[in-house]
Amino acid sequence: TQNTAWTNVELALENLRKHDCLNYQEIIKLSVDELRSHIRPAGFYRRKARSIQAISQCLQDSQGIEALSGQDHQYSRALLLGICGIGEETADAILLYAFEKPAFVIDKYTRRIMSRLGLVDIGCSYPVLQQVFVSRLESRLELFQEYHALLVAQAKTHCREIPECETCPLQNCCHYFHKL
């Protein structure tokens, strides 16, 4: 789903569904070219195919998602970060949504909102921005999932690349809005 419109993600998922490839066991059986063909609508399909196959192999080697998600948070994150093509954002998204572990995902939406509110510099590092949230929130799966979903919704509705400030519920505390 990285750097991809959700409508295109859905097309790629539908292609995988049509070919009964919505699990790591079936993805491993595909050639890289077959997988690329299936996920092509999602963009960056050449790079993503290799990463998807690598994480599928990792899941198989670890006896499945249930076994891997039962591991220590730091171990699971380090393992994911060791896979080519998996960065901090993707690793934390996998931890949060697939492994159901409380990991706060920092994406471009979170970065944009926090910088426009004047709470962080747009260029602050992933760990620093993540710590802003982790140090202030109770570490609960549902809370982190909801917070991330609300940030995504806010960014897609109001805090777009070209912002819709006039109707934004955060305008009272937004440095960006007050500088306009």
C-alpha atoms as a PDB file:
ATOM      1  CA  THR A   1       0.000   0.000   0.000  1.00  0.00           C
ATOM      2  CA  GLN A   2       3.013   2.314   0.229  1.00  0.00           C
ATOM      3  CA  ASN A   3       2.867   5.365  -2.053  1.00  0.00           C
ATOM      4  CA  THR A   4      -0.282   4.049  -3.728  1.00  0.00           C
ATOM      5  CA  ALA A   5      -3.865   5.264  -3.998  1.00  0.00           C
ATOM      6  CA  TRP A   6      -6.191   2.845  -2.215  1.00  0.00           C
ATOM      7  CA  THR A   7      -8.203   2.262  -5.404  1.00  0.00           C
ATOM      8  CA  ASN A   8      -5.049   0.886  -7.027  1.00  0.00           C
ATOM      9  CA  VAL A   9      -4.298  -1.246  -3.975  1.00  0.00           C
ATOM     10  CA  GLU A  10      -7.776  -2.739  -4.315  1.00  0.00           C
ATOM     11  CA  LEU A  11      -7.101  -3.606  -7.962  1.00  0.00           C
ATOM     12  CA  ALA A  12      -3.885  -5.382  -7.014  1.00  0.00           C
ATOM     13  CA  LEU A  13      -5.624  -7.223  -4.176  1.00  0.00           C
ATOM     14  CA  GLU A  14      -8.400  -8.286  -6.541  1.00  0.00           C
ATOM     15  CA  ASN A  15      -5.773  -9.668  -8.949  1.00  0.00           C
ATOM     16  CA  LEU A  16      -4.209 -11.657  -6.109  1.00  0.00           C
ATOM     17  CA  ARG A  17      -7.652 -12.840  -4.967  1.00  0.00           C
ATOM     18  CA  LYS A  18      -8.553 -14.016  -8.498  1.00  0.00           C
ATOM     19  CA  HIS A  19      -5.399 -16.129  -8.552  1.00  0.00           C
ATOM     20  CA  ASP A  20      -5.846 -17.435  -4.984  1.00  0.00           C
ATOM     21  CA  CYS A  21      -2.673 -15.673  -3.862  1.00  0.00           C
ATOM     22  CA  LEU A  22      -3.776 -13.805  -0.750  1.00  0.00           C
ATOM     23  CA  ASN A  23      -1.511 -15.772   1.564  1.00  0.00           C
ATOM     24  CA  TYR A  24       2.227 -16.114   1.909  1.00  0.00           C
ATOM     25  CA  GLN A  25       2.233 -19.833   1.031  1.00  0.00           C
ATOM     26  CA  GLU A  26       0.811 -19.103  -2.434  1.00  0.00           C
ATOM     27  CA  ILE A  27       2.907 -15.976  -2.992  1.00  0.00           C
ATOM     28  CA  ILE A  28       6.088 -18.008  -2.456  1.00  0.00           C
ATOM     29  CA  LYS A  29       5.015 -20.335  -5.270  1.00  0.00           C
ATOM     30  CA  LEU A  30       4.712 -17.475  -7.783  1.00  0.00           C
ATOM     31  CA  SER A  31       7.553 -16.390 -10.007  1.00  0.00           C
ATOM     32  CA  VAL A  32       8.625 -12.776  -9.547  1.00  0.00           C
ATOM     33  CA  ASP A  33       7.140 -11.970 -12.976  1.00  0.00           C
ATOM     34  CA  GLU A  34       3.771 -13.505 -12.034  1.00  0.00           C
ATOM     35  CA  LEU A  35       3.649 -11.544  -8.795  1.00  0.00           C
ATOM     36  CA  ARG A  36       4.644  -8.345 -10.606  1.00  0.00           C
ATOM     37  CA  SER A  37       1.810  -8.864 -13.040  1.00  0.00           C
ATOM     38  CA  HIS A  38      -0.710  -9.297 -10.214  1.00  0.00           C
ATOM     39  CA  ILE A  39       0.387  -6.247  -8.229  1.00  0.00           C
ATOM     40  CA  ARG A  40       1.128  -3.964 -11.176  1.00  0.00           C
ATOM     41  CA  PRO A  41      -1.838  -1.600 -10.483  1.00  0.00           C
ATOM     42  CA  ALA A  42      -0.315  -0.741  -7.100  1.00  0.00           C
ATOM     43  CA  GLY A  43       2.737   0.882  -8.709  1.00  0.00           C
ATOM     44  CA  PHE A  44       6.411   0.254  -7.948  1.00  0.00           C
ATOM     45  CA  TYR A  45       5.570  -3.364  -8.723  1.00  0.00           C
ATOM     46  CA  ARG A  46       9.131  -4.392  -9.577  1.00  0.00           C
ATOM     47  CA  ARG A  47      10.467  -3.424  -6.162  1.00  0.00           C
ATOM     48  CA  LYS A  48       7.339  -4.414  -4.231  1.00  0.00           C
ATOM     49  CA  ALA A  49       7.240  -7.921  -5.730  1.00  0.00           C
ATOM     50  CA  ARG A  50      10.672  -8.771  -4.332  1.00  0.00           C
ATOM     51  CA  SER A  51       9.767  -7.353  -0.912  1.00  0.00           C
ATOM     52  CA  ILE A  52       6.448  -9.219  -0.826  1.00  0.00           C
ATOM     53  CA  GLN A  53       8.190 -12.467  -1.682  1.00  0.00           C
ATOM     54  CA  ALA A  54      10.895 -11.824   0.906  1.00  0.00           C
ATOM     55  CA  ILE A  55       8.391 -11.173   3.683  1.00  0.00           C
ATOM     56  CA  SER A  56       6.372 -14.214   2.587  1.00  0.00           C
ATOM     57  CA  GLN A  57       9.518 -16.336   2.877  1.00  0.00           C
ATOM     58  CA  CYS A  58      10.204 -14.826   6.306  1.00  0.00           C
ATOM     59  CA  LEU A  59       6.687 -15.758   7.419  1.00  0.00           C
ATOM     60  CA  GLN A  60       7.142 -19.310   6.177  1.00  0.00           C
ATOM     61  CA  ASP A  61      10.553 -19.645   7.840  1.00  0.00           C
ATOM     62  CA  SER A  62       9.009 -18.369  11.090  1.00  0.00           C
ATOM     63  CA  GLN A  63       6.098 -20.863  11.007  1.00  0.00           C
ATOM     64  CA  GLY A  64       3.518 -18.249  10.057  1.00  0.00           C
ATOM     65  CA  ILE A  65       2.184 -14.917  11.116  1.00  0.00           C
ATOM     66  CA  GLU A  66       0.760 -16.233  14.397  1.00  0.00           C
ATOM     67  CA  ALA A  67       4.122 -17.601  15.512  1.00  0.00           C
ATOM     68  CA  LEU A  68       5.994 -14.489  14.430  1.00  0.00           C
ATOM     69  CA  SER A  69       3.482 -12.115  15.983  1.00  0.00           C
ATOM     70  CA  GLY A  70       3.931 -14.010  19.253  1.00  0.00           C
ATOM     71  CA  GLN A  71       7.585 -12.981  19.350  1.00  0.00           C
ATOM     72  CA  ASP A  72       8.934 -10.021  21.299  1.00  0.00           C
ATOM     73  CA  HIS A  73       8.093  -6.651  19.691  1.00  0.00           C
ATOM     74  CA  GLN A  74      11.737  -5.627  19.236  1.00  0.00           C
ATOM     75  CA  TYR A  75      12.661  -9.014  17.769  1.00  0.00           C
ATOM     76  CA  SER A  76       9.774  -8.867  15.277  1.00  0.00           C
ATOM     77  CA  ARG A  77      10.612  -5.287  14.265  1.00  0.00           C
ATOM     78  CA  ALA A  78      14.310  -6.085  13.809  1.00  0.00           C
ATOM     79  CA  LEU A  79      13.429  -9.138  11.725  1.00  0.00           C
ATOM     80  CA  LEU A  80      11.126  -7.065   9.491  1.00  0.00           C
ATOM     81  CA  LEU A  81      13.698  -4.284   9.113  1.00  0.00           C
ATOM     82  CA  GLY A  82      16.204  -6.901   7.963  1.00  0.00           C
ATOM     83  CA  ILE A  83      14.064  -7.682   4.916  1.00  0.00           C
ATOM     84  CA  CYS A  84      15.094  -5.841   1.767  1.00  0.00           C
ATOM     85  CA  GLY A  85      12.494  -3.200   0.937  1.00  0.00           C
ATOM     86  CA  ILE A  86      10.999  -3.011   4.439  1.00  0.00           C
ATOM     87  CA  GLY A  87      11.656   0.308   6.146  1.00  0.00           C
ATOM     88  CA  GLU A  88      10.522   1.686   9.474  1.00  0.00           C
ATOM     89  CA  GLU A  89       7.069   2.776   8.305  1.00  0.00           C
ATOM     90  CA  THR A  90       6.291  -0.550   6.634  1.00  0.00           C
ATOM     91  CA  ALA A  91       7.676  -2.565   9.560  1.00  0.00           C
ATOM     92  CA  ASP A  92       5.565  -0.609  12.036  1.00  0.00           C
ATOM     93  CA  ALA A  93       2.450  -0.911   9.841  1.00  0.00           C
ATOM     94  CA  ILE A  94       2.948  -4.692   9.699  1.00  0.00           C
ATOM     95  CA  LEU A  95       3.452  -4.813  13.466  1.00  0.00           C
ATOM     96  CA  LEU A  96       0.355  -2.682  14.107  1.00  0.00           C
ATOM     97  CA  TYR A  97      -2.096  -4.208  11.654  1.00  0.00           C
ATOM     98  CA  ALA A  98      -0.883  -7.731  10.831  1.00  0.00           C
ATOM     99  CA  PHE A  99       0.889  -8.736  14.049  1.00  0.00           C
ATOM    100  CA  GLU A 100      -1.497  -6.687  16.219  1.00  0.00           C
ATOM    101  CA  LYS A 101       1.301  -5.156  18.283  1.00  0.00           C
ATOM    102  CA  PRO A 102       1.184  -1.533  19.465  1.00  0.00           C
ATOM    103  CA  ALA A 103       3.583   0.245  17.110  1.00  0.00           C
ATOM    104  CA  PHE A 104       2.959   3.855  16.175  1.00  0.00           C
ATOM    105  CA  VAL A 105       3.208   4.293  12.394  1.00  0.00           C
ATOM    106  CA  ILE A 106       4.777   7.502  11.142  1.00  0.00           C
ATOM    107  CA  ASP A 107       3.754   8.213   7.563  1.00  0.00           C
ATOM    108  CA  LYS A 108       3.763  11.267   5.326  1.00  0.00           C
ATOM    109  CA  TYR A 109       0.339  12.260   6.649  1.00  0.00           C
ATOM    110  CA  THR A 110       1.473  12.218  10.275  1.00  0.00           C
ATOM    111  CA  ARG A 111       4.616  14.150   9.388  1.00  0.00           C
ATOM    112  CA  ARG A 112       2.628  16.760   7.432  1.00  0.00           C
ATOM    113  CA  ILE A 113       0.015  17.302  10.146  1.00  0.00           C
ATOM    114  CA  MET A 114       2.505  17.501  12.988  1.00  0.00           C
ATOM    115  CA  SER A 115       4.735  19.966  11.139  1.00  0.00           C
ATOM    116  CA  ARG A 116       1.806  22.183  10.119  1.00  0.00           C
ATOM    117  CA  LEU A 117       0.579  22.228  13.690  1.00  0.00           C
ATOM    118  CA  GLY A 118       4.053  23.461  14.601  1.00  0.00           C
ATOM    119  CA  LEU A 119       4.811  20.507  16.864  1.00  0.00           C
ATOM    120  CA  VAL A 120       7.812  19.146  14.955  1.00  0.00           C
ATOM    121  CA  ASP A 121      10.053  20.114  12.077  1.00  0.00           C
ATOM    122  CA  ILE A 122       9.050  18.452   8.776  1.00  0.00           C
ATOM    123  CA  GLY A 123      12.527  16.920   8.572  1.00  0.00           C
ATOM    124  CA  CYS A 124      12.661  15.364  12.030  1.00  0.00           C
ATOM    125  CA  SER A 125      13.687  11.733  12.084  1.00  0.00           C
ATOM    126  CA  TYR A 126      11.263   8.819  12.170  1.00  0.00           C
ATOM    127  CA  PRO A 127      12.288   7.698  15.692  1.00  0.00           C
ATOM    128  CA  VAL A 128      12.023  11.241  17.084  1.00  0.00           C
ATOM    129  CA  LEU A 129       8.537  11.783  15.649  1.00  0.00           C
ATOM    130  CA  GLN A 130       7.441   8.313  16.745  1.00  0.00           C
ATOM    131  CA  GLN A 131       8.671   9.068  20.269  1.00  0.00           C
ATOM    132  CA  VAL A 132       6.481  12.206  20.358  1.00  0.00           C
ATOM    133  CA  PHE A 133       3.450   9.911  20.200  1.00  0.00           C
ATOM    134  CA  VAL A 134       4.733   6.902  22.128  1.00  0.00           C
ATOM    135  CA  SER A 135       5.824   9.019  25.095  1.00  0.00           C
ATOM    136  CA  ARG A 136       2.395  10.660  25.382  1.00  0.00           C
ATOM    137  CA  LEU A 137      -0.018   7.852  24.623  1.00  0.00           C
ATOM    138  CA  GLU A 138      -0.876   4.667  26.435  1.00  0.00           C
ATOM    139  CA  SER A 139       0.687   1.806  24.470  1.00  0.00           C
ATOM    140  CA  ARG A 140      -2.501   0.068  23.351  1.00  0.00           C
ATOM    141  CA  LEU A 141      -3.131  -1.579  20.004  1.00  0.00           C
ATOM    142  CA  GLU A 142      -6.614  -0.134  19.477  1.00  0.00           C
ATOM    143  CA  LEU A 143      -5.501   3.373  20.433  1.00  0.00           C
ATOM    144  CA  PHE A 144      -2.570   3.341  18.001  1.00  0.00           C
ATOM    145  CA  GLN A 145      -4.743   1.936  15.211  1.00  0.00           C
ATOM    146  CA  GLU A 146      -7.444   4.547  15.808  1.00  0.00           C
ATOM    147  CA  TYR A 147      -4.945   7.394  16.101  1.00  0.00           C
ATOM    148  CA  HIS A 148      -3.301   6.390  12.822  1.00  0.00           C
ATOM    149  CA  ALA A 149      -6.669   6.104  11.074  1.00  0.00           C
ATOM    150  CA  LEU A 150      -7.716   9.536  12.341  1.00  0.00           C
ATOM    151  CA  LEU A 151      -4.462  11.113  11.154  1.00  0.00           C
ATOM    152  CA  VAL A 152      -4.934   9.551   7.710  1.00  0.00           C
ATOM    153  CA  ALA A 153      -8.530  10.809   7.563  1.00  0.00           C
ATOM    154  CA  GLN A 154      -7.476  14.312   8.647  1.00  0.00           C
ATOM    155  CA  ALA A 155      -4.727  14.416   6.028  1.00  0.00           C
ATOM    156  CA  LYS A 156      -6.974  13.188   3.238  1.00  0.00           C
ATOM    157  CA  THR A 157      -9.826  15.532   4.146  1.00  0.00           C
ATOM    158  CA  HIS A 158      -8.164  18.745   5.302  1.00  0.00           C
ATOM    159  CA  CYS A 159      -4.394  18.590   5.612  1.00  0.00           C
ATOM    160  CA  ARG A 160      -3.717  17.703   1.998  1.00  0.00           C
ATOM    161  CA  GLU A 161      -0.640  18.745   0.067  1.00  0.00           C
ATOM    162  CA  ILE A 162      -2.721  21.793  -0.865  1.00  0.00           C
ATOM    163  CA  PRO A 163      -4.588  22.176   2.424  1.00  0.00           C
ATOM    164  CA  GLU A 164      -8.304  22.784   2.927  1.00  0.00           C
ATOM    165  CA  CYS A 165      -7.791  25.035   5.967  1.00  0.00           C
ATOM    166  CA  GLU A 166     -11.115  26.861   5.941  1.00  0.00           C
ATOM    167  CA  THR A 167     -13.086  23.811   7.099  1.00  0.00           C
ATOM    168  CA  CYS A 168     -10.337  22.177   9.179  1.00  0.00           C
ATOM    169  CA  PRO A 169     -11.252  21.387  12.803  1.00  0.00           C
ATOM    170  CA  LEU A 170      -7.616  21.974  13.829  1.00  0.00           C
ATOM    171  CA  GLN A 171      -7.303  25.535  12.506  1.00  0.00           C
ATOM    172  CA  ASN A 172      -7.387  27.094  16.006  1.00  0.00           C
ATOM    173  CA  CYS A 173      -4.139  25.335  16.939  1.00  0.00           C
ATOM    174  CA  CYS A 174      -2.538  25.190  13.482  1.00  0.00           C
ATOM    175  CA  HIS A 175       0.572  27.289  12.911  1.00  0.00           C
ATOM    176  CA  TYR A 176       0.283  26.825   9.163  1.00  0.00           C
ATOM    177  CA  PHE A 177      -3.273  28.231   9.114  1.00  0.00           C
ATOM    178  CA  HIS A 178      -2.309  31.244  11.210  1.00  0.00           C
ATOM    179  CA  LYS A 179       0.607  32.077   8.898  1.00  0.00           C
ATOM    180  CA  LEU A 180      -1.697  32.285   5.842  1.00  0.00           C
END
